[in-house]
Amino acid sequence: GIFAVKSLAFSPDGAVLAVGVELPPADDKPHSPQSAQVWVCDITADAVTRRDAYPLDYFADAVAFSPDGTTLAVAGGADFAVRLIDVKAKKVTDTLRGAGLP
């Protein structure tokens, strides 16, 4: 299918790619929650294979891996928060919020 890449980052070892994507909306709402995801992909010499997909309620304006490659930071949305995803456990482990934000 067709999708728009909003952000991307390689893991420090170059074996994993994180991609913030905007998918065509599942309904008539142009920015429905179903239209934003972060994909975590394995990279080999022959292919890029999507391993995991994390649905978001905002577009991933920026993604970045921690130096050890175990945590993925995802930023975006109206709340200006950064979500931290443990890529091995496949779950959000923390949300970082700026001063004065809810």
Protein backbone atom coordinates (compact mmCIF):
# COMPACT_ATOMS: atom_id res chain seq x y z
CA GLY A 1 0.00 0.00 0.00
CA ILE A 2 0.88 3.66 -0.18
CA PHE A 3 2.22 5.43 2.89
CA ALA A 4 4.19 8.56 3.75
CA VAL A 5 7.42 8.41 5.72
CA LYS A 6 7.42 11.05 8.49
CA SER A 7 10.70 10.09 10.20
CA LEU A 8 13.31 7.33 10.30
CA ALA A 9 16.34 6.20 12.27
CA PHE A 10 18.86 3.37 12.09
CA SER A 11 19.91 1.49 15.21
CA PRO A 12 23.57 2.03 16.19
CA ASP A 13 24.58 -1.36 14.74
CA GLY A 14 22.67 -0.67 11.49
CA ALA A 15 20.62 -3.86 11.79
CA VAL A 16 17.27 -2.23 12.67
CA LEU A 17 15.36 0.63 11.05
CA ALA A 18 12.56 2.57 12.77
CA VAL A 19 10.13 4.35 10.46
CA GLY A 20 7.38 6.78 11.46
CA VAL A 21 4.66 6.39 8.82
CA GLU A 22 1.36 7.96 7.86
CA LEU A 23 -0.99 5.42 6.31
CA PRO A 24 -4.10 6.22 4.27
CA PRO A 25 -6.93 6.78 6.76
CA ALA A 26 -9.10 3.78 7.53
CA ASP A 27 -12.19 6.00 7.53
CA ASP A 28 -13.19 9.45 6.31
CA LYS A 29 -11.12 11.23 8.98
CA PRO A 30 -7.84 12.42 7.44
CA HIS A 31 -5.83 12.12 10.67
CA SER A 32 -7.47 9.18 12.40
CA PRO A 33 -5.41 7.25 14.98
CA GLN A 34 -5.24 4.28 12.62
CA SER A 35 -3.27 6.36 10.12
CA ALA A 36 -0.12 6.81 12.25
CA GLN A 37 2.35 4.07 13.18
CA VAL A 38 5.99 3.40 13.93
CA TRP A 39 7.41 0.37 12.15
CA VAL A 40 10.46 -1.47 13.47
CA CYS A 41 12.21 -3.31 10.63
CA ASP A 42 15.07 -5.80 10.48
CA ILE A 43 17.71 -5.07 7.84
CA THR A 44 19.76 -7.73 6.06
CA ALA A 45 21.85 -7.61 2.89
CA ASP A 46 18.85 -8.92 0.94
CA ALA A 47 15.78 -7.27 2.45
CA VAL A 48 14.12 -4.93 4.91
CA THR A 49 11.44 -6.83 6.86
CA ARG A 50 8.89 -5.19 9.14
CA ARG A 51 9.11 -6.88 12.55
CA ASP A 52 6.72 -4.79 14.65
CA ALA A 53 4.18 -2.01 14.17
CA TYR A 54 3.15 0.38 16.95
CA PRO A 55 -0.12 2.28 16.35
CA LEU A 56 0.01 5.90 17.49
CA ASP A 57 -2.56 8.60 18.17
CA TYR A 58 -0.16 11.19 16.69
CA PHE A 59 2.33 11.33 13.84
CA ALA A 60 5.91 10.38 14.70
CA ASP A 61 7.73 13.58 13.81
CA ALA A 62 11.02 12.16 15.09
CA VAL A 63 12.40 8.74 16.05
CA ALA A 64 15.80 7.88 17.56
CA PHE A 65 17.50 4.85 19.07
CA SER A 66 19.41 4.84 22.34
CA PRO A 67 23.17 4.22 21.99
CA ASP A 68 22.73 0.54 22.91
CA GLY A 69 19.83 0.12 20.45
CA THR A 70 17.38 -1.24 23.03
CA THR A 71 15.15 1.83 23.37
CA LEU A 72 13.37 3.79 20.66
CA ALA A 73 12.32 7.38 21.38
CA VAL A 74 9.24 8.59 19.46
CA ALA A 75 8.29 12.28 19.46
CA GLY A 76 5.27 14.02 18.02
CA GLY A 77 1.71 15.00 18.72
CA ALA A 78 0.04 17.99 20.28
CA ASP A 79 1.28 17.12 23.78
CA PHE A 80 4.98 17.46 22.78
CA ALA A 81 5.78 14.27 24.70
CA VAL A 82 8.43 11.67 23.87
CA ARG A 83 7.46 8.02 24.27
CA LEU A 84 10.16 5.45 24.99
CA ILE A 85 9.65 1.99 23.50
CA ASP A 86 11.61 -1.07 24.63
CA VAL A 87 12.15 -2.73 21.25
CA LYS A 88 12.82 -6.17 22.71
CA ALA A 89 9.84 -6.17 25.12
CA LYS A 90 7.71 -4.45 22.43
CA LYS A 91 6.08 -1.95 24.77
CA VAL A 92 6.11 1.70 25.77
CA THR A 93 8.12 1.97 28.98
CA ASP A 94 7.97 5.69 29.72
CA THR A 95 6.63 9.04 28.55
CA LEU A 96 8.78 12.15 28.89
CA ARG A 97 6.91 15.45 29.16
CA GLY A 98 8.27 18.98 29.05
CA ALA A 99 7.93 21.38 31.97
CA GLY A 100 4.44 22.81 32.29
CA LEU A 101 2.80 20.26 30.00
CA PRO A 102 0.08 17.85 31.17
